[in-house]
Amino acid sequence: MNEEFDTRSEYYRQQLEHLLRKCPDILTPAKAARWSPLGKNRIYELLKSGELRSFKYQGGYIISRADLIDYLAEHCEDSSGSRFKAGGSDD
């Protein structure tokens, strides 16, 4: 990890912003699943629980790219190891 970042979350956020730079600003759950390592069912679970910020629009969910990046940066190294890891190897 680079020393210029105060926290791992900031480091991951910067990496994710770079990786998702071509991602649309507004996403449906299906598109959020395509642009992230999370499956569509997991996206819907997070939306229903409120863990992933979203807005209701015409009966469906919309997610901003910034909110998706925030969620991924905060949860990319879950202690259970069941989520995902951002970045490469530390070797």
C-alpha atoms as a PDB file:
ATOM      1  CA  MET A   1       0.000   0.000   0.000  1.00  0.00           C
ATOM      2  CA  ASN A   2       1.221   3.493  -0.811  1.00  0.00           C
ATOM      3  CA  GLU A   3       2.209   5.668   2.183  1.00  0.00           C
ATOM      4  CA  GLU A   4       0.321   8.723   0.884  1.00  0.00           C
ATOM      5  CA  PHE A   5      -3.024   7.252   1.974  1.00  0.00           C
ATOM      6  CA  ASP A   6      -4.255   7.561   5.559  1.00  0.00           C
ATOM      7  CA  THR A   7      -6.329   4.391   5.550  1.00  0.00           C
ATOM      8  CA  ARG A   8      -6.724   1.196   3.584  1.00  0.00           C
ATOM      9  CA  SER A   9     -10.211   2.365   2.669  1.00  0.00           C
ATOM     10  CA  GLU A  10      -8.808   5.478   0.981  1.00  0.00           C
ATOM     11  CA  TYR A  11      -6.288   3.363  -0.903  1.00  0.00           C
ATOM     12  CA  TYR A  12      -8.978   0.957  -2.089  1.00  0.00           C
ATOM     13  CA  ARG A  13     -11.282   3.842  -2.995  1.00  0.00           C
ATOM     14  CA  GLN A  14      -8.609   5.342  -5.246  1.00  0.00           C
ATOM     15  CA  GLN A  15      -7.934   1.957  -6.878  1.00  0.00           C
ATOM     16  CA  LEU A  16     -11.648   1.364  -7.422  1.00  0.00           C
ATOM     17  CA  GLU A  17     -12.157   4.839  -8.875  1.00  0.00           C
ATOM     18  CA  HIS A  18      -9.436   4.058 -11.391  1.00  0.00           C
ATOM     19  CA  LEU A  19     -10.892   0.622 -12.230  1.00  0.00           C
ATOM     20  CA  LEU A  20     -14.427   1.973 -12.565  1.00  0.00           C
ATOM     21  CA  ARG A  21     -13.526   5.179 -14.426  1.00  0.00           C
ATOM     22  CA  LYS A  22     -15.536   4.050 -17.493  1.00  0.00           C
ATOM     23  CA  CYS A  23     -18.482   2.870 -15.417  1.00  0.00           C
ATOM     24  CA  PRO A  24     -21.702   4.897 -15.895  1.00  0.00           C
ATOM     25  CA  ASP A  25     -22.506   7.424 -13.149  1.00  0.00           C
ATOM     26  CA  ILE A  26     -25.939   5.859 -12.560  1.00  0.00           C
ATOM     27  CA  LEU A  27     -26.403   2.083 -12.407  1.00  0.00           C
ATOM     28  CA  THR A  28     -29.227  -0.396 -12.201  1.00  0.00           C
ATOM     29  CA  PRO A  29     -28.650  -3.360  -9.857  1.00  0.00           C
ATOM     30  CA  ALA A  30     -27.851  -5.565 -12.867  1.00  0.00           C
ATOM     31  CA  LYS A  31     -25.235  -3.107 -14.144  1.00  0.00           C
ATOM     32  CA  ALA A  32     -23.794  -2.688 -10.651  1.00  0.00           C
ATOM     33  CA  ALA A  33     -23.349  -6.459 -10.529  1.00  0.00           C
ATOM     34  CA  ARG A  34     -21.564  -6.419 -13.900  1.00  0.00           C
ATOM     35  CA  TRP A  35     -19.189  -3.667 -12.794  1.00  0.00           C
ATOM     36  CA  SER A  36     -18.403  -5.189  -9.396  1.00  0.00           C
ATOM     37  CA  PRO A  37     -17.373  -8.554  -7.988  1.00  0.00           C
ATOM     38  CA  LEU A  38     -20.792  -8.857  -6.339  1.00  0.00           C
ATOM     39  CA  GLY A  39     -23.580 -10.901  -7.869  1.00  0.00           C
ATOM     40  CA  LYS A  40     -26.987  -9.498  -8.723  1.00  0.00           C
ATOM     41  CA  ASN A  41     -28.668 -11.308  -5.798  1.00  0.00           C
ATOM     42  CA  ARG A  42     -26.082  -9.909  -3.364  1.00  0.00           C
ATOM     43  CA  ILE A  43     -26.631  -6.407  -4.774  1.00  0.00           C
ATOM     44  CA  TYR A  44     -30.376  -6.742  -4.121  1.00  0.00           C
ATOM     45  CA  GLU A  45     -29.718  -8.003  -0.573  1.00  0.00           C
ATOM     46  CA  LEU A  46     -27.533  -4.966   0.108  1.00  0.00           C
ATOM     47  CA  LEU A  47     -30.115  -2.614  -1.359  1.00  0.00           C
ATOM     48  CA  LYS A  48     -32.968  -4.061   0.691  1.00  0.00           C
ATOM     49  CA  SER A  49     -30.922  -3.974   3.899  1.00  0.00           C
ATOM     50  CA  GLY A  50     -29.773  -0.405   3.228  1.00  0.00           C
ATOM     51  CA  GLU A  51     -26.076  -1.350   3.292  1.00  0.00           C
ATOM     52  CA  LEU A  52     -25.666  -0.110  -0.278  1.00  0.00           C
ATOM     53  CA  ARG A  53     -27.112   3.359  -0.742  1.00  0.00           C
ATOM     54  CA  SER A  54     -29.621   3.690  -3.546  1.00  0.00           C
ATOM     55  CA  PHE A  55     -32.660   5.602  -4.699  1.00  0.00           C
ATOM     56  CA  LYS A  56     -36.040   4.318  -5.810  1.00  0.00           C
ATOM     57  CA  TYR A  57     -37.000   5.526  -9.255  1.00  0.00           C
ATOM     58  CA  GLN A  58     -40.100   4.395 -11.149  1.00  0.00           C
ATOM     59  CA  GLY A  59     -40.397   1.257  -9.050  1.00  0.00           C
ATOM     60  CA  GLY A  60     -36.744   0.217  -9.347  1.00  0.00           C
ATOM     61  CA  TYR A  61     -33.436   0.920  -7.699  1.00  0.00           C
ATOM     62  CA  ILE A  62     -30.740   3.198  -9.033  1.00  0.00           C
ATOM     63  CA  ILE A  63     -27.228   3.271  -7.602  1.00  0.00           C
ATOM     64  CA  SER A  64     -24.625   5.951  -8.115  1.00  0.00           C
ATOM     65  CA  ARG A  65     -21.107   4.930  -9.093  1.00  0.00           C
ATOM     66  CA  ALA A  66     -19.819   6.875  -6.068  1.00  0.00           C
ATOM     67  CA  ASP A  67     -22.035   4.879  -3.682  1.00  0.00           C
ATOM     68  CA  LEU A  68     -20.921   1.595  -5.252  1.00  0.00           C
ATOM     69  CA  ILE A  69     -17.271   2.621  -4.886  1.00  0.00           C
ATOM     70  CA  ASP A  70     -17.861   3.671  -1.267  1.00  0.00           C
ATOM     71  CA  TYR A  71     -19.417   0.309  -0.429  1.00  0.00           C
ATOM     72  CA  LEU A  72     -16.705  -1.693  -2.192  1.00  0.00           C
ATOM     73  CA  ALA A  73     -13.890   0.319  -0.586  1.00  0.00           C
ATOM     74  CA  GLU A  74     -15.333  -0.198   2.893  1.00  0.00           C
ATOM     75  CA  HIS A  75     -15.974  -3.920   2.441  1.00  0.00           C
ATOM     76  CA  CYS A  76     -13.249  -5.150   0.117  1.00  0.00           C
ATOM     77  CA  GLU A  77     -11.299  -6.902   2.868  1.00  0.00           C
ATOM     78  CA  ASP A  78     -13.999  -8.358   5.038  1.00  0.00           C
ATOM     79  CA  SER A  79     -12.611 -10.362   7.944  1.00  0.00           C
ATOM     80  CA  SER A  80     -14.663 -13.396   6.892  1.00  0.00           C
ATOM     81  CA  GLY A  81     -12.780 -13.461   3.599  1.00  0.00           C
ATOM     82  CA  SER A  82     -16.048 -14.175   1.833  1.00  0.00           C
ATOM     83  CA  ARG A  83     -16.226 -10.903  -0.065  1.00  0.00           C
ATOM     84  CA  PHE A  84     -13.364  -9.930  -2.348  1.00  0.00           C
ATOM     85  CA  LYS A  85      -9.972  -8.274  -2.361  1.00  0.00           C
ATOM     86  CA  ALA A  86      -9.147  -5.118  -4.265  1.00  0.00           C
ATOM     87  CA  GLY A  87      -5.738  -4.610  -5.757  1.00  0.00           C
ATOM     88  CA  GLY A  88      -3.022  -7.100  -6.450  1.00  0.00           C
ATOM     89  CA  SER A  89      -0.759  -9.216  -4.337  1.00  0.00           C
ATOM     90  CA  ASP A  90       1.378  -7.652  -1.616  1.00  0.00           C
ATOM     91  CA  ASP A  91       4.370  -9.759  -2.742  1.00  0.00           C
END
